[in-house]
Amino acid sequence: MKNFITFLIFNLLLISSSFASGGIGGGGIANIPQGQDREKYHLGKAVYNQDLTLEKQPNVNLIEQEERLEYLQGSLPNTEKRRVNLPDFAGKLTEEQITALEYFVQVRFNVKLPEKKKE
């Protein structure tokens, strides 16, 4: 009888663990914002995935963009750091695009970026 109970418990544990097994979690899917933030998110996603044709922008602060993009690159998970090189976008983004890119990275990868100083 003792062996039967041990056998039963073992099988129940084996079956229940197979239901719980889902593999290694990949961080999940980000909650896509609604309203105006949704547009900003999708613009940032398009920039990140290089779905937009980026051309050299006149009148941009190249040094500031490089710094912002390098910081953003450093905030990415290691797998993404190998996939995308954000500093390559320096000088090719409008202020709206770089702000949207920062927003996308914050939401998608759950990254907290420092608050911008108001002048």
Protein backbone atom coordinates (compact mmCIF):
# COMPACT_ATOMS: atom_id res chain seq x y z
CA MET A 1 0.00 0.00 0.00
CA LYS A 2 2.84 2.39 0.85
CA ASN A 3 4.43 1.79 -2.58
CA PHE A 4 1.11 2.51 -4.29
CA ILE A 5 0.72 5.85 -2.50
CA THR A 6 4.32 6.80 -3.35
CA PHE A 7 3.70 5.82 -6.98
CA LEU A 8 0.48 7.86 -7.07
CA ILE A 9 2.10 10.95 -5.54
CA PHE A 10 5.04 10.69 -7.93
CA ASN A 11 2.75 10.51 -10.96
CA LEU A 12 0.59 13.39 -9.76
CA LEU A 13 3.67 15.54 -9.28
CA LEU A 14 4.97 14.55 -12.70
CA ILE A 15 1.68 15.37 -14.41
CA SER A 16 1.18 18.66 -12.56
CA SER A 17 4.73 19.80 -13.35
CA SER A 18 4.18 19.14 -17.04
CA PHE A 19 1.24 21.57 -17.00
CA ALA A 20 3.32 24.25 -15.30
CA SER A 21 6.25 23.86 -17.65
CA GLY A 22 6.21 26.60 -20.23
CA GLY A 23 9.87 26.96 -20.97
CA ILE A 24 11.99 29.91 -20.09
CA GLY A 25 10.15 33.19 -19.93
CA GLY A 26 11.28 35.83 -22.40
CA GLY A 27 10.18 38.89 -20.50
CA GLY A 28 6.64 38.84 -21.84
CA ILE A 29 4.88 41.20 -24.18
CA ALA A 30 4.79 44.86 -23.32
CA ASN A 31 1.43 46.46 -22.70
CA ILE A 32 0.94 48.62 -25.76
CA PRO A 33 -0.32 52.03 -24.70
CA GLN A 34 -3.57 53.54 -25.88
CA GLY A 35 -4.38 56.96 -27.38
CA GLN A 36 -1.59 59.34 -28.33
CA ASP A 37 0.96 57.18 -26.56
CA ARG A 38 0.02 54.35 -28.92
CA GLU A 39 1.07 56.42 -31.94
CA LYS A 40 4.30 57.37 -30.20
CA TYR A 41 4.95 53.71 -29.35
CA HIS A 42 4.41 52.56 -32.93
CA LEU A 43 6.61 55.33 -34.35
CA GLY A 44 9.37 54.31 -31.93
CA LYS A 45 8.89 50.68 -32.89
CA ALA A 46 9.18 51.55 -36.60
CA VAL A 47 12.42 53.47 -35.95
CA TYR A 48 13.80 50.65 -33.76
CA ASN A 49 13.00 47.96 -36.35
CA GLN A 50 14.30 50.20 -39.16
CA ASP A 51 10.94 50.12 -40.93
CA LEU A 52 11.42 53.80 -41.80
CA THR A 53 13.90 55.24 -44.25
CA LEU A 54 16.13 57.48 -42.18
CA GLU A 55 17.92 60.34 -43.89
CA LYS A 56 20.41 62.85 -42.56
CA GLN A 57 18.50 65.58 -40.73
CA PRO A 58 19.52 69.22 -41.02
CA ASN A 59 19.77 71.30 -37.87
CA VAL A 60 20.10 68.46 -35.36
CA ASN A 61 22.53 68.37 -32.47
CA LEU A 62 24.60 65.36 -33.54
CA ILE A 63 26.52 65.11 -30.26
CA GLU A 64 23.30 65.15 -28.20
CA GLN A 65 21.69 62.48 -30.41
CA GLU A 66 24.80 60.28 -30.19
CA GLU A 67 24.78 60.54 -26.39
CA ARG A 68 21.07 59.77 -26.14
CA LEU A 69 21.34 56.82 -28.52
CA GLU A 70 24.44 55.40 -26.80
CA TYR A 71 22.65 55.58 -23.45
CA LEU A 72 19.62 53.90 -24.99
CA GLN A 73 21.83 51.19 -26.53
CA GLY A 74 23.36 50.51 -23.13
CA SER A 75 19.88 50.14 -21.62
CA LEU A 76 18.91 47.32 -23.98
CA PRO A 77 19.03 43.64 -23.03
CA ASN A 78 22.17 41.88 -24.28
CA THR A 79 20.31 39.98 -27.00
CA GLU A 80 18.99 43.25 -28.40
CA LYS A 81 22.39 44.95 -28.16
CA ARG A 82 23.69 42.40 -30.65
CA ARG A 83 20.68 42.83 -32.94
CA VAL A 84 20.46 46.60 -33.27
CA ASN A 85 22.98 49.46 -33.15
CA LEU A 86 21.06 52.57 -32.15
CA PRO A 87 24.04 54.99 -32.32
CA ASP A 88 24.04 54.41 -36.09
CA PHE A 89 20.83 56.48 -36.19
CA ALA A 90 22.59 59.62 -34.89
CA GLY A 91 21.95 62.61 -37.12
CA LYS A 92 19.16 60.78 -38.94
CA LEU A 93 16.33 61.24 -36.45
CA THR A 94 13.96 64.11 -35.87
CA GLU A 95 13.25 65.08 -32.26
CA GLU A 96 9.86 63.37 -32.55
CA GLN A 97 11.48 60.13 -33.77
CA ILE A 98 14.17 59.98 -31.09
CA THR A 99 11.63 60.75 -28.36
CA ALA A 100 9.35 58.01 -29.73
CA LEU A 101 12.31 55.60 -29.86
CA GLU A 102 13.12 56.32 -26.21
CA TYR A 103 9.47 55.79 -25.31
CA PHE A 104 9.32 52.49 -27.22
CA VAL A 105 12.44 51.16 -25.48
CA GLN A 106 11.06 52.18 -22.08
CA VAL A 107 7.77 50.38 -22.64
CA ARG A 108 9.00 47.35 -24.61
CA PHE A 109 12.03 46.51 -22.47
CA ASN A 110 10.78 47.94 -19.15
CA VAL A 111 13.67 50.39 -18.95
CA LYS A 112 13.60 53.48 -16.75
CA LEU A 113 15.36 56.38 -18.46
CA PRO A 114 16.42 59.48 -16.54
CA GLU A 115 14.03 62.41 -16.54
CA LYS A 116 14.87 65.16 -19.00
CA LYS A 117 15.87 68.48 -17.48
CA LYS A 118 13.44 71.27 -18.23
CA GLU A 119 15.16 74.47 -19.21
